[in-house]
Amino acid sequence: MRKAALIPVAFAVILATNFGVQAQVMLDFTKVTCDQFIKYKIADPKLIAVWLSGYFHGKRGDTTLDTQRLVADADQIKNYCFSNPDALLMQSVQKLIGPRE
């Protein structure tokens, strides 16, 4: 009887453990191409644009965010990437947006 009571408990523990496991994906943005960016192969391009904005603002020590500029920059990058799908995304962003003061 005792073994029969342990089976549902063990099953519940196994289920709870499996649902809590999530795959962690690490991404090296220096290897991401424009094609991957515009075709949603990694994530929504808007999310990537926000991350890139934060990355480049952080490099400059700039803690401000111009939301209209963010949208304009994302559009500019998307347009460039449509014309240059094999280009590396980080290099493209650096070229288009560049260091701003």
Protein backbone atom coordinates (compact mmCIF):
# COMPACT_ATOMS: atom_id res chain seq x y z
CA MET A 1 0.00 0.00 0.00
CA ARG A 2 2.82 2.33 0.84
CA LYS A 3 4.49 1.80 -2.55
CA ALA A 4 1.22 2.53 -4.32
CA ALA A 5 0.98 5.89 -2.52
CA LEU A 6 4.53 6.84 -3.52
CA ILE A 7 3.96 6.31 -7.24
CA PRO A 8 1.64 9.32 -7.72
CA VAL A 9 3.96 11.50 -5.62
CA ALA A 10 7.01 10.46 -7.65
CA PHE A 11 5.09 11.04 -10.87
CA ALA A 12 4.07 14.54 -9.73
CA VAL A 13 7.69 15.39 -8.84
CA ILE A 14 8.89 14.22 -12.25
CA LEU A 15 6.24 16.27 -14.05
CA ALA A 16 7.00 19.37 -12.00
CA THR A 17 10.71 19.02 -12.71
CA ASN A 18 10.26 18.61 -16.46
CA PHE A 19 7.97 21.61 -16.85
CA GLY A 20 10.46 23.83 -15.05
CA VAL A 21 13.27 23.04 -17.49
CA GLN A 22 13.75 25.53 -20.29
CA ALA A 23 16.36 25.60 -23.01
CA GLN A 24 18.84 28.40 -22.72
CA VAL A 25 20.06 29.75 -26.02
CA MET A 26 23.21 31.84 -26.15
CA LEU A 27 23.70 34.01 -29.19
CA ASP A 28 26.85 35.69 -30.46
CA PHE A 29 25.57 38.84 -32.15
CA THR A 30 28.83 39.33 -34.04
CA LYS A 31 27.84 36.32 -36.17
CA VAL A 32 24.20 37.25 -36.84
CA THR A 33 23.48 38.18 -40.45
CA CYS A 34 21.02 40.69 -41.79
CA ASP A 35 19.08 37.80 -43.34
CA GLN A 36 18.59 36.22 -39.92
CA PHE A 37 17.50 39.58 -38.53
CA ILE A 38 14.87 40.43 -41.15
CA LYS A 39 13.47 36.91 -41.46
CA TYR A 40 12.75 36.49 -37.72
CA LYS A 41 15.21 33.55 -37.58
CA ILE A 42 16.44 34.60 -34.15
CA ALA A 43 13.74 36.74 -32.60
CA ASP A 44 11.40 39.57 -33.46
CA PRO A 45 13.54 42.27 -35.14
CA LYS A 46 11.98 44.86 -32.81
CA LEU A 47 13.37 43.02 -29.80
CA ILE A 48 16.77 42.77 -31.42
CA ALA A 49 16.68 46.49 -32.28
CA VAL A 50 15.96 47.32 -28.64
CA TRP A 51 18.87 45.13 -27.50
CA LEU A 52 21.20 46.71 -30.08
CA SER A 53 20.12 50.17 -28.98
CA GLY A 54 20.92 49.32 -25.38
CA TYR A 55 24.26 47.80 -26.36
CA PHE A 56 25.43 50.83 -28.32
CA HIS A 57 24.04 53.29 -25.76
CA GLY A 58 25.89 51.37 -23.07
CA LYS A 59 29.16 51.56 -25.00
CA ARG A 60 28.73 55.34 -25.08
CA GLY A 61 27.65 55.59 -21.45
CA ASP A 62 24.38 57.13 -22.61
CA THR A 63 21.38 56.32 -20.42
CA THR A 64 18.78 58.18 -22.49
CA LEU A 65 16.34 56.64 -24.94
CA ASP A 66 14.77 58.51 -27.82
CA THR A 67 11.90 56.21 -28.77
CA GLN A 68 11.28 57.92 -32.10
CA ARG A 69 14.95 57.60 -32.98
CA LEU A 70 14.85 53.94 -31.98
CA VAL A 71 12.03 53.29 -34.46
CA ALA A 72 13.76 55.30 -37.19
CA ASP A 73 17.06 53.47 -36.62
CA ALA A 74 15.32 50.08 -36.67
CA ASP A 75 13.64 50.98 -39.98
CA GLN A 76 16.95 52.13 -41.42
CA ILE A 77 18.64 48.88 -40.38
CA LYS A 78 15.79 46.77 -41.79
CA ASN A 79 15.96 48.60 -45.12
CA TYR A 80 19.72 48.12 -45.28
CA CYS A 81 19.39 44.44 -44.39
CA PHE A 82 16.82 43.81 -47.14
CA SER A 83 19.39 45.06 -49.65
CA ASN A 84 22.36 43.33 -47.96
CA PRO A 85 21.14 40.01 -46.50
CA ASP A 86 24.63 38.52 -46.18
CA ALA A 87 26.02 41.46 -44.21
CA LEU A 88 26.78 40.97 -40.53
CA LEU A 89 24.19 42.75 -38.41
CA MET A 90 26.51 44.29 -35.79
CA GLN A 91 28.84 45.69 -38.47
CA SER A 92 25.85 47.05 -40.37
CA VAL A 93 24.45 48.76 -37.29
CA GLN A 94 27.86 50.22 -36.47
CA LYS A 95 28.15 51.51 -40.03
CA LEU A 96 24.63 52.96 -40.19
CA ILE A 97 24.18 54.29 -36.70
CA GLY A 98 27.80 54.73 -35.72
CA PRO A 99 29.03 56.34 -32.56
CA ARG A 100 26.78 59.22 -31.65
CA GLU A 101 27.57 61.84 -29.13
